[in-house]
Amino acid sequence: LTFSGRLPPPPQVLSPARPELIRRTFESVRDAKNVI
C-alpha cells in the first residue's frame, strides 16, 4: 500500500457507497413510526 503524503499508509480500503445500501437502509425501517 502506498500513500502520497508524509503519513504512513492509512489502514483502510475505501469503496463508493452503493444505491443498494440505501435500499437496504429503507428496508430496515419499513413500517417504523418516526425515522431520522
Full PDB file with SEQRES, HELIX, SHEET, SSBOND, CRYST1, ORIGX, SCALE, CONECT and MASTER records, all heavy atoms in Angstrom:
SEQRES   1 A   36  LEU THR PHE SER GLY ARG LEU PRO PRO PRO PRO GLN VAL          
SEQRES   2 A   36  LEU SER PRO ALA ARG PRO GLU LEU ILE ARG ARG THR PHE          
SEQRES   3 A   36  GLU SER VAL ARG ASP ALA LYS ASN VAL ILE                      
HELIX    1 AA1 PRO A   19  SER A   28  1                                  10    
CRYST1    1.000    1.000    1.000  90.00  90.00  90.00 P 1           1          
ORIGX1      1.000000  0.000000  0.000000        0.00000                         
ORIGX2      0.000000  1.000000  0.000000        0.00000                         
ORIGX3      0.000000  0.000000  1.000000        0.00000                         
SCALE1      1.000000  0.000000  0.000000        0.00000                         
SCALE2      0.000000  1.000000  0.000000        0.00000                         
SCALE3      0.000000  0.000000  1.000000        0.00000                         
ATOM      1  N   LEU A   1       0.843  -1.191   0.000  1.00  0.00           N  
ATOM      2  CA  LEU A   1       0.000   0.000   0.000  1.00  0.00           C  
ATOM      3  C   LEU A   1       0.879   1.241   0.000  1.00  0.00           C  
ATOM      4  O   LEU A   1       1.873   1.317   0.713  1.00  0.00           O  
ATOM      5  CB  LEU A   1      -0.905   0.016   1.249  1.00  0.00           C  
ATOM      6  CG  LEU A   1      -2.034  -1.004   1.295  1.00  0.00           C  
ATOM      7  CD1 LEU A   1      -2.648  -1.013   2.694  1.00  0.00           C  
ATOM      8  CD2 LEU A   1      -3.101  -0.666   0.278  1.00  0.00           C  
ATOM      9  N   THR A   2       0.510   2.215  -0.802  1.00  0.00           N  
ATOM     10  CA  THR A   2       1.284   3.453  -0.869  1.00  0.00           C  
ATOM     11  C   THR A   2       0.408   4.627  -0.503  1.00  0.00           C  
ATOM     12  O   THR A   2      -0.817   4.561  -0.568  1.00  0.00           O  
ATOM     13  CB  THR A   2       1.861   3.667  -2.272  1.00  0.00           C  
ATOM     14  OG1 THR A   2       0.774   3.734  -3.207  1.00  0.00           O  
ATOM     15  CG2 THR A   2       2.796   2.541  -2.663  1.00  0.00           C  
ATOM     16  N   PHE A   3       1.033   5.718  -0.123  1.00  0.00           N  
ATOM     17  CA  PHE A   3       0.313   6.926   0.276  1.00  0.00           C  
ATOM     18  C   PHE A   3       1.128   8.119  -0.173  1.00  0.00           C  
ATOM     19  O   PHE A   3       2.345   8.152  -0.017  1.00  0.00           O  
ATOM     20  CB  PHE A   3       0.111   6.931   1.793  1.00  0.00           C  
ATOM     21  CG  PHE A   3      -0.793   8.015   2.290  1.00  0.00           C  
ATOM     22  CD1 PHE A   3      -2.135   8.036   1.921  1.00  0.00           C  
ATOM     23  CD2 PHE A   3      -0.317   9.005   3.128  1.00  0.00           C  
ATOM     24  CE1 PHE A   3      -2.977   9.025   2.398  1.00  0.00           C  
ATOM     25  CE2 PHE A   3      -1.159   9.994   3.600  1.00  0.00           C  
ATOM     26  CZ  PHE A   3      -2.488  10.005   3.234  1.00  0.00           C  
ATOM     27  N   SER A   4       0.478   9.112  -0.746  1.00  0.00           N  
ATOM     28  CA  SER A   4       1.191  10.211  -1.367  1.00  0.00           C  
ATOM     29  C   SER A   4       1.755  11.212  -0.365  1.00  0.00           C  
ATOM     30  O   SER A   4       2.641  11.992  -0.686  1.00  0.00           O  
ATOM     31  CB  SER A   4       0.264  10.958  -2.337  1.00  0.00           C  
ATOM     32  OG  SER A   4      -0.876  11.445  -1.654  1.00  0.00           O  
ATOM     33  N   GLY A   5       1.244  11.235   0.857  1.00  0.00           N  
ATOM     34  CA  GLY A   5       1.677  12.226   1.827  1.00  0.00           C  
ATOM     35  C   GLY A   5       2.812  11.734   2.701  1.00  0.00           C  
ATOM     36  O   GLY A   5       3.473  10.743   2.423  1.00  0.00           O  
ATOM     37  N   ARG A   6       3.018  12.442   3.812  1.00  0.00           N  
ATOM     38  CA  ARG A   6       4.102  12.102   4.718  1.00  0.00           C  
ATOM     39  C   ARG A   6       3.693  11.069   5.754  1.00  0.00           C  
ATOM     40  O   ARG A   6       4.526  10.506   6.431  1.00  0.00           O  
ATOM     41  CB  ARG A   6       4.599  13.361   5.429  1.00  0.00           C  
ATOM     42  CG  ARG A   6       5.134  14.425   4.478  1.00  0.00           C  
ATOM     43  CD  ARG A   6       5.539  15.675   5.245  1.00  0.00           C  
ATOM     44  NE  ARG A   6       5.932  16.747   4.348  1.00  0.00           N  
ATOM     45  CZ  ARG A   6       6.218  17.976   4.742  1.00  0.00           C  
ATOM     46  NH1 ARG A   6       6.158  18.270   6.037  1.00  0.00           N  
ATOM     47  NH2 ARG A   6       6.556  18.902   3.876  1.00  0.00           N  
ATOM     48  N   LEU A   7       2.399  10.856   5.913  1.00  0.00           N  
ATOM     49  CA  LEU A   7       1.949   9.866   6.873  1.00  0.00           C  
ATOM     50  C   LEU A   7       2.171   8.466   6.313  1.00  0.00           C  
ATOM     51  O   LEU A   7       2.245   8.273   5.106  1.00  0.00           O  
ATOM     52  CB  LEU A   7       0.457  10.052   7.155  1.00  0.00           C  
ATOM     53  CG  LEU A   7       0.059  11.296   7.947  1.00  0.00           C  
ATOM     54  CD1 LEU A   7      -1.458  11.331   8.098  1.00  0.00           C  
ATOM     55  CD2 LEU A   7       0.712  11.303   9.307  1.00  0.00           C  
ATOM     56  N   PRO A   8       2.263   7.445   7.168  1.00  0.00           N  
ATOM     57  CA  PRO A   8       2.323   6.070   6.684  1.00  0.00           C  
ATOM     58  C   PRO A   8       1.006   5.697   6.032  1.00  0.00           C  
ATOM     59  O   PRO A   8      -0.008   6.382   6.202  1.00  0.00           O  
ATOM     60  CB  PRO A   8       2.566   5.263   7.977  1.00  0.00           C  
ATOM     61  CG  PRO A   8       2.031   6.120   9.065  1.00  0.00           C  
ATOM     62  CD  PRO A   8       2.301   7.532   8.633  1.00  0.00           C  
ATOM     63  N   PRO A   9       0.959   4.604   5.280  1.00  0.00           N  
ATOM     64  CA  PRO A   9      -0.266   4.215   4.595  1.00  0.00           C  
ATOM     65  C   PRO A   9      -1.424   4.051   5.562  1.00  0.00           C  
ATOM     66  O   PRO A   9      -1.287   3.403   6.603  1.00  0.00           O  
ATOM     67  CB  PRO A   9       0.104   2.861   3.958  1.00  0.00           C  
ATOM     68  CG  PRO A   9       1.582   2.864   3.883  1.00  0.00           C  
ATOM     69  CD  PRO A   9       2.062   3.677   5.047  1.00  0.00           C  
ATOM     70  N   PRO A  10      -2.578   4.658   5.270  1.00  0.00           N  
ATOM     71  CA  PRO A  10      -3.724   4.500   6.155  1.00  0.00           C  
ATOM     72  C   PRO A  10      -4.266   3.082   6.063  1.00  0.00           C  
ATOM     73  O   PRO A  10      -4.399   2.541   4.964  1.00  0.00           O  
ATOM     74  CB  PRO A  10      -4.741   5.514   5.591  1.00  0.00           C  
ATOM     75  CG  PRO A  10      -4.369   5.653   4.146  1.00  0.00           C  
ATOM     76  CD  PRO A  10      -2.884   5.468   4.080  1.00  0.00           C  
ATOM     77  N   PRO A  11      -4.573   2.427   7.192  1.00  0.00           N  
ATOM     78  CA  PRO A  11      -5.017   1.034   7.177  1.00  0.00           C  
ATOM     79  C   PRO A  11      -6.490   0.906   6.819  1.00  0.00           C  
ATOM     80  O   PRO A  11      -7.304   0.464   7.616  1.00  0.00           O  
ATOM     81  CB  PRO A  11      -4.752   0.582   8.611  1.00  0.00           C  
ATOM     82  CG  PRO A  11      -4.977   1.830   9.404  1.00  0.00           C  
ATOM     83  CD  PRO A  11      -4.483   2.957   8.541  1.00  0.00           C  
ATOM     84  N   GLN A  12      -6.864   1.347   5.627  1.00  0.00           N  
ATOM     85  CA  GLN A  12      -8.252   1.230   5.230  1.00  0.00           C  
ATOM     86  C   GLN A  12      -8.350   1.164   3.722  1.00  0.00           C  
ATOM     87  O   GLN A  12      -7.485   1.630   2.995  1.00  0.00           O  
ATOM     88  CB  GLN A  12      -9.089   2.403   5.746  1.00  0.00           C  
ATOM     89  CG  GLN A  12      -8.645   3.758   5.218  1.00  0.00           C  
ATOM     90  CD  GLN A  12      -9.413   4.890   5.859  1.00  0.00           C  
ATOM     91  OE1 GLN A  12      -9.860   4.788   6.979  1.00  0.00           O  
ATOM     92  NE2 GLN A  12      -9.577   5.971   5.140  1.00  0.00           N  
ATOM     93  N   VAL A  13      -9.397   0.502   3.252  1.00  0.00           N  
ATOM     94  CA  VAL A  13      -9.707   0.455   1.839  1.00  0.00           C  
ATOM     95  C   VAL A  13     -11.063   1.094   1.660  1.00  0.00           C  
ATOM     96  O   VAL A  13     -12.013   0.775   2.370  1.00  0.00           O  
ATOM     97  CB  VAL A  13      -9.723  -0.999   1.321  1.00  0.00           C  
ATOM     98  CG1 VAL A  13     -10.156  -1.031  -0.134  1.00  0.00           C  
ATOM     99  CG2 VAL A  13      -8.331  -1.616   1.466  1.00  0.00           C  
ATOM    100  N   LEU A  14     -11.186   2.039   0.736  1.00  0.00           N  
ATOM    101  CA  LEU A  14     -12.412   2.801   0.551  1.00  0.00           C  
ATOM    102  C   LEU A  14     -13.087   2.387  -0.743  1.00  0.00           C  
ATOM    103  O   LEU A  14     -12.439   2.247  -1.780  1.00  0.00           O  
ATOM    104  CB  LEU A  14     -12.109   4.306   0.502  1.00  0.00           C  
ATOM    105  CG  LEU A  14     -11.385   4.873   1.722  1.00  0.00           C  
ATOM    106  CD1 LEU A  14     -10.988   6.315   1.456  1.00  0.00           C  
ATOM    107  CD2 LEU A  14     -12.279   4.800   2.934  1.00  0.00           C  
ATOM    108  N   SER A  15     -14.389   2.195  -0.680  1.00  0.00           N  
ATOM    109  CA  SER A  15     -15.159   1.921  -1.892  1.00  0.00           C  
ATOM    110  C   SER A  15     -16.418   2.762  -1.862  1.00  0.00           C  
ATOM    111  O   SER A  15     -16.975   3.000  -0.792  1.00  0.00           O  
ATOM    112  CB  SER A  15     -15.520   0.435  -1.991  1.00  0.00           C  
ATOM    113  OG  SER A  15     -16.329   0.050  -0.894  1.00  0.00           O  
ATOM    114  N   PRO A  16     -16.890   3.247  -3.028  1.00  0.00           N  
ATOM    115  CA  PRO A  16     -18.061   4.117  -3.042  1.00  0.00           C  
ATOM    116  C   PRO A  16     -19.293   3.423  -2.477  1.00  0.00           C  
ATOM    117  O   PRO A  16     -19.501   2.227  -2.689  1.00  0.00           O  
ATOM    118  CB  PRO A  16     -18.244   4.452  -4.526  1.00  0.00           C  
ATOM    119  CG  PRO A  16     -16.918   4.186  -5.142  1.00  0.00           C  
ATOM    120  CD  PRO A  16     -16.322   3.057  -4.356  1.00  0.00           C  
ATOM    121  N   ALA A  17     -20.097   4.181  -1.748  1.00  0.00           N  
ATOM    122  CA  ALA A  17     -21.366   3.650  -1.265  1.00  0.00           C  
ATOM    123  C   ALA A  17     -22.257   3.356  -2.470  1.00  0.00           C  
ATOM    124  O   ALA A  17     -22.176   4.004  -3.508  1.00  0.00           O  
ATOM    125  CB  ALA A  17     -22.036   4.647  -0.343  1.00  0.00           C  
ATOM    126  N   ARG A  18     -23.138   2.390  -2.318  1.00  0.00           N  
ATOM    127  CA  ARG A  18     -23.921   1.916  -3.449  1.00  0.00           C  
ATOM    128  C   ARG A  18     -25.406   2.127  -3.201  1.00  0.00           C  
ATOM    129  O   ARG A  18     -25.867   2.082  -2.054  1.00  0.00           O  
ATOM    130  CB  ARG A  18     -23.626   0.433  -3.690  1.00  0.00           C  
ATOM    131  CG  ARG A  18     -22.166   0.146  -3.960  1.00  0.00           C  
ATOM    132  CD  ARG A  18     -21.907  -1.336  -4.185  1.00  0.00           C  
ATOM    133  NE  ARG A  18     -22.228  -2.157  -3.034  1.00  0.00           N  
ATOM    134  CZ  ARG A  18     -21.399  -2.367  -2.018  1.00  0.00           C  
ATOM    135  NH1 ARG A  18     -20.210  -1.793  -2.002  1.00  0.00           N  
ATOM    136  NH2 ARG A  18     -21.748  -3.138  -1.002  1.00  0.00           N  
ATOM    137  N   PRO A  19     -26.184   2.315  -4.283  1.00  0.00           N  
ATOM    138  CA  PRO A  19     -27.635   2.513  -4.126  1.00  0.00           C  
ATOM    139  C   PRO A  19     -28.310   1.372  -3.374  1.00  0.00           C  
ATOM    140  O   PRO A  19     -29.273   1.591  -2.643  1.00  0.00           O  
ATOM    141  CB  PRO A  19     -28.125   2.615  -5.574  1.00  0.00           C  
ATOM    142  CG  PRO A  19     -26.948   3.102  -6.345  1.00  0.00           C  
ATOM    143  CD  PRO A  19     -25.744   2.494  -5.681  1.00  0.00           C  
ATOM    144  N   GLU A  20     -27.808   0.139  -3.557  1.00  0.00           N  
ATOM    145  CA  GLU A  20     -28.443  -0.986  -2.863  1.00  0.00           C  
ATOM    146  C   GLU A  20     -28.310  -0.870  -1.348  1.00  0.00           C  
ATOM    147  O   GLU A  20     -29.145  -1.416  -0.602  1.00  0.00           O  
ATOM    148  CB  GLU A  20     -27.877  -2.323  -3.348  1.00  0.00           C  
ATOM    149  CG  GLU A  20     -26.380  -2.492  -3.184  1.00  0.00           C  
ATOM    150  CD  GLU A  20     -25.611  -2.116  -4.443  1.00  0.00           C  
ATOM    151  OE1 GLU A  20     -26.100  -1.253  -5.206  1.00  0.00           O  
ATOM    152  OE2 GLU A  20     -24.526  -2.688  -4.651  1.00  0.00           O  
ATOM    153  N   LEU A  21     -27.275  -0.176  -0.876  1.00  0.00           N  
ATOM    154  CA  LEU A  21     -27.143   0.023   0.563  1.00  0.00           C  
ATOM    155  C   LEU A  21     -28.190   1.010   1.076  1.00  0.00           C  
ATOM    156  O   LEU A  21     -28.667   0.894   2.207  1.00  0.00           O  
ATOM    157  CB  LEU A  21     -25.737   0.503   0.906  1.00  0.00           C  
ATOM    158  CG  LEU A  21     -24.591  -0.451   0.548  1.00  0.00           C  
ATOM    159  CD1 LEU A  21     -23.260   0.139   0.980  1.00  0.00           C  
ATOM    160  CD2 LEU A  21     -24.803  -1.818   1.176  1.00  0.00           C  
ATOM    161  N   ILE A  22     -28.527   1.996   0.256  1.00  0.00           N  
ATOM    162  CA  ILE A  22     -29.620   2.904   0.625  1.00  0.00           C  
ATOM    163  C   ILE A  22     -30.925   2.139   0.680  1.00  0.00           C  
ATOM    164  O   ILE A  22     -31.725   2.301   1.614  1.00  0.00           O  
ATOM    165  CB  ILE A  22     -29.707   4.081  -0.367  1.00  0.00           C  
ATOM    166  CG1 ILE A  22     -28.472   4.981  -0.231  1.00  0.00           C  
ATOM    167  CG2 ILE A  22     -30.976   4.898  -0.121  1.00  0.00           C  
ATOM    168  CD1 ILE A  22     -28.482   6.193  -1.135  1.00  0.00           C  
ATOM    169  N   ARG A  23     -31.157   1.279  -0.327  1.00  0.00           N  
ATOM    170  CA  ARG A  23     -32.389   0.466  -0.317  1.00  0.00           C  
ATOM    171  C   ARG A  23     -32.423  -0.427   0.915  1.00  0.00           C  
ATOM    172  O   ARG A  23     -33.485  -0.613   1.525  1.00  0.00           O  
ATOM    173  CB  ARG A  23     -32.467  -0.371  -1.596  1.00  0.00           C  
ATOM    174  CG  ARG A  23     -32.751   0.444  -2.857  1.00  0.00           C  
ATOM    175  CD  ARG A  23     -33.156  -0.447  -4.009  1.00  0.00           C  
ATOM    176  NE  ARG A  23     -32.058  -1.288  -4.459  1.00  0.00           N  
ATOM    177  CZ  ARG A  23     -31.182  -0.936  -5.400  1.00  0.00           C  
ATOM    178  NH1 ARG A  23     -31.276   0.248  -5.981  1.00  0.00           N  
ATOM    179  NH2 ARG A  23     -30.216  -1.759  -5.756  1.00  0.00           N  
ATOM    180  N   ARG A  24     -31.285  -0.991   1.271  1.00  0.00           N  
ATOM    181  CA  ARG A  24     -31.219  -1.845   2.458  1.00  0.00           C  
ATOM    182  C   ARG A  24     -31.574  -1.052   3.716  1.00  0.00           C  
ATOM    183  O   ARG A  24     -32.253  -1.570   4.615  1.00  0.00           O  
ATOM    184  CB  ARG A  24     -29.803  -2.423   2.580  1.00  0.00           C  
ATOM    185  CG  ARG A  24     -29.595  -3.380   3.743  1.00  0.00           C  
ATOM    186  CD  ARG A  24     -30.337  -4.677   3.554  1.00  0.00           C  
ATOM    187  NE  ARG A  24     -29.908  -5.686   4.514  1.00  0.00           N  
ATOM    188  CZ  ARG A  24     -30.570  -6.808   4.739  1.00  0.00           C  
ATOM    189  NH1 ARG A  24     -31.682  -7.080   4.065  1.00  0.00           N  
ATOM    190  NH2 ARG A  24     -30.116  -7.676   5.624  1.00  0.00           N  
ATOM    191  N   THR A  25     -31.125   0.182   3.775  1.00  0.00           N  
ATOM    192  CA  THR A  25     -31.450   1.034   4.916  1.00  0.00           C  
ATOM    193  C   THR A  25     -32.948   1.297   4.979  1.00  0.00           C  
ATOM    194  O   THR A  25     -33.556   1.252   6.056  1.00  0.00           O  
ATOM    195  CB  THR A  25     -30.671   2.357   4.832  1.00  0.00           C  
ATOM    196  OG1 THR A  25     -29.263   2.079   4.726  1.00  0.00           O  
ATOM    197  CG2 THR A  25     -30.909   3.215   6.058  1.00  0.00           C  
ATOM    198  N   PHE A  26     -33.572   1.565   3.836  1.00  0.00           N  
ATOM    199  CA  PHE A  26     -35.022   1.758   3.808  1.00  0.00           C  
ATOM    200  C   PHE A  26     -35.756   0.488   4.242  1.00  0.00           C  
ATOM    201  O   PHE A  26     -36.768   0.556   4.958  1.00  0.00           O  
ATOM    202  CB  PHE A  26     -35.477   2.178   2.404  1.00  0.00           C  
ATOM    203  CG  PHE A  26     -35.450   3.659   2.177  1.00  0.00           C  
ATOM    204  CD1 PHE A  26     -34.466   4.245   1.395  1.00  0.00           C  
ATOM    205  CD2 PHE A  26     -36.415   4.483   2.738  1.00  0.00           C  
ATOM    206  CE1 PHE A  26     -34.438   5.614   1.185  1.00  0.00           C  
ATOM    207  CE2 PHE A  26     -36.397   5.859   2.541  1.00  0.00           C  
ATOM    208  CZ  PHE A  26     -35.397   6.427   1.758  1.00  0.00           C  
ATOM    209  N   GLU A  27     -35.254  -0.670   3.820  1.00  0.00           N  
ATOM    210  CA  GLU A  27     -35.887  -1.933   4.226  1.00  0.00           C  
ATOM    211  C   GLU A  27     -35.848  -2.099   5.738  1.00  0.00           C  
ATOM    212  O   GLU A  27     -36.792  -2.623   6.346  1.00  0.00           O  
ATOM    213  CB  GLU A  27     -35.166  -3.111   3.565  1.00  0.00           C  
ATOM    214  CG  GLU A  27     -35.378  -3.228   2.063  1.00  0.00           C  
ATOM    215  CD  GLU A  27     -34.502  -4.315   1.456  1.00  0.00           C  
ATOM    216  OE1 GLU A  27     -33.893  -5.094   2.236  1.00  0.00           O  
ATOM    217  OE2 GLU A  27     -34.407  -4.371   0.224  1.00  0.00           O  
ATOM    218  N   SER A  28     -34.767  -1.650   6.355  1.00  0.00           N  
ATOM    219  CA  SER A  28     -34.618  -1.847   7.801  1.00  0.00           C  
ATOM    220  C   SER A  28     -35.643  -1.052   8.599  1.00  0.00           C  
ATOM    221  O   SER A  28     -35.975  -1.430   9.731  1.00  0.00           O  
ATOM    222  CB  SER A  28     -33.202  -1.455   8.247  1.00  0.00           C  
ATOM    223  OG  SER A  28     -33.032  -0.039   8.254  1.00  0.00           O  
ATOM    224  N   VAL A  29     -36.140   0.062   8.062  1.00  0.00           N  
ATOM    225  CA  VAL A  29     -37.055   0.925   8.817  1.00  0.00           C  
ATOM    226  C   VAL A  29     -38.482   0.875   8.272  1.00  0.00           C  
ATOM    227  O   VAL A  29     -39.313   1.692   8.656  1.00  0.00           O  
ATOM    228  CB  VAL A  29     -36.550   2.388   8.832  1.00  0.00           C  
ATOM    229  CG1 VAL A  29     -35.212   2.476   9.554  1.00  0.00           C  
ATOM    230  CG2 VAL A  29     -36.430   2.952   7.418  1.00  0.00           C  
ATOM    231  N   ARG A  30     -38.769  -0.071   7.398  1.00  0.00           N  
ATOM    232  CA  ARG A  30     -40.123  -0.195   6.850  1.00  0.00           C  
ATOM    233  C   ARG A  30     -41.144  -0.345   7.976  1.00  0.00           C  
ATOM    234  O   ARG A  30     -40.948  -1.110   8.923  1.00  0.00           O  
ATOM    235  CB  ARG A  30     -40.198  -1.414   5.919  1.00  0.00           C  
ATOM    236  CG  ARG A  30     -41.509  -1.547   5.165  1.00  0.00           C  
ATOM    237  CD  ARG A  30     -41.540  -2.818   4.336  1.00  0.00           C  
ATOM    238  NE  ARG A  30     -41.496  -4.015   5.180  1.00  0.00           N  
ATOM    239  CZ  ARG A  30     -40.462  -4.816   5.303  1.00  0.00           C  
ATOM    240  NH1 ARG A  30     -39.339  -4.563   4.635  1.00  0.00           N  
ATOM    241  NH2 ARG A  30     -40.504  -5.884   6.100  1.00  0.00           N  
ATOM    242  N   ASP A  31     -42.201   0.440   7.897  1.00  0.00           N  
ATOM    243  CA  ASP A  31     -43.312   0.433   8.861  1.00  0.00           C  
ATOM    244  C   ASP A  31     -42.954   1.076  10.208  1.00  0.00           C  
ATOM    245  O   ASP A  31     -43.753   1.014  11.147  1.00  0.00           O  
ATOM    246  CB  ASP A  31     -43.839  -0.990   9.106  1.00  0.00           C  
ATOM    247  CG  ASP A  31     -44.367  -1.642   7.849  1.00  0.00           C  
ATOM    248  OD1 ASP A  31     -44.937  -0.925   7.005  1.00  0.00           O  
ATOM    249  OD2 ASP A  31     -44.205  -2.874   7.688  1.00  0.00           O  
ATOM    250  N   ALA A  32     -41.774   1.674  10.317  1.00  0.00           N  
ATOM    251  CA  ALA A  32     -41.459   2.409  11.546  1.00  0.00           C  
ATOM    252  C   ALA A  32     -42.329   3.659  11.636  1.00  0.00           C  
ATOM    253  O   ALA A  32     -42.779   4.199  10.622  1.00  0.00           O  
ATOM    254  CB  ALA A  32     -39.985   2.793  11.576  1.00  0.00           C  
ATOM    255  N   LYS A  33     -42.571   4.115  12.850  1.00  0.00           N  
ATOM    256  CA  LYS A  33     -43.455   5.274  13.031  1.00  0.00           C  
ATOM    257  C   LYS A  33     -42.743   6.575  12.683  1.00  0.00           C  
ATOM    258  O   LYS A  33     -43.281   7.416  11.958  1.00  0.00           O  
ATOM    259  CB  LYS A  33     -43.959   5.313  14.478  1.00  0.00           C  
ATOM    260  CG  LYS A  33     -44.768   4.084  14.876  1.00  0.00           C  
ATOM    261  CD  LYS A  33     -45.023   4.045  16.374  1.00  0.00           C  
ATOM    262  CE  LYS A  33     -45.728   2.772  16.779  1.00  0.00           C  
ATOM    263  NZ  LYS A  33     -45.875   2.649  18.253  1.00  0.00           N  
ATOM    264  N   ASN A  34     -41.550   6.769  13.239  1.00  0.00           N  
ATOM    265  CA  ASN A  34     -40.804   8.013  13.053  1.00  0.00           C  
ATOM    266  C   ASN A  34     -39.348   7.676  12.756  1.00  0.00           C  
ATOM    267  O   ASN A  34     -38.711   6.958  13.528  1.00  0.00           O  
ATOM    268  CB  ASN A  34     -40.862   8.876  14.326  1.00  0.00           C  
ATOM    269  CG  ASN A  34     -42.278   9.094  14.821  1.00  0.00           C  
ATOM    270  OD1 ASN A  34     -43.130   9.580  14.101  1.00  0.00           O  
ATOM    271  ND2 ASN A  34     -42.529   8.717  16.079  1.00  0.00           N  
ATOM    272  N   VAL A  35     -38.822   8.203  11.654  1.00  0.00           N  
ATOM    273  CA  VAL A  35     -37.471   7.856  11.230  1.00  0.00           C  
ATOM    274  C   VAL A  35     -36.673   9.113  10.912  1.00  0.00           C  
ATOM    275  O   VAL A  35     -37.139   9.981  10.171  1.00  0.00           O  
ATOM    276  CB  VAL A  35     -37.484   6.935   9.988  1.00  0.00           C  
ATOM    277  CG1 VAL A  35     -36.059   6.712   9.481  1.00  0.00           C  
ATOM    278  CG2 VAL A  35     -38.145   5.605  10.310  1.00  0.00           C  
ATOM    279  N   ILE A  36     -35.476   9.191  11.478  1.00  0.00           N  
ATOM    280  CA  ILE A  36     -34.481  10.184  11.080  1.00  0.00           C  
ATOM    281  C   ILE A  36     -33.446   9.459  10.234  1.00  0.00           C  
ATOM    282  O   ILE A  36     -32.784   8.524  10.705  1.00  0.00           O  
ATOM    283  CB  ILE A  36     -33.805  10.832  12.301  1.00  0.00           C  
ATOM    284  CG1 ILE A  36     -34.827  11.598  13.138  1.00  0.00           C  
ATOM    285  CG2 ILE A  36     -32.678  11.773  11.855  1.00  0.00           C  
ATOM    286  CD1 ILE A  36     -34.275  12.101  14.461  1.00  0.00           C  
TER     287      ILE A  36                                                      
MASTER        0    0    0    1    0    0    0    6  286    1    0    3          
END                                                                             
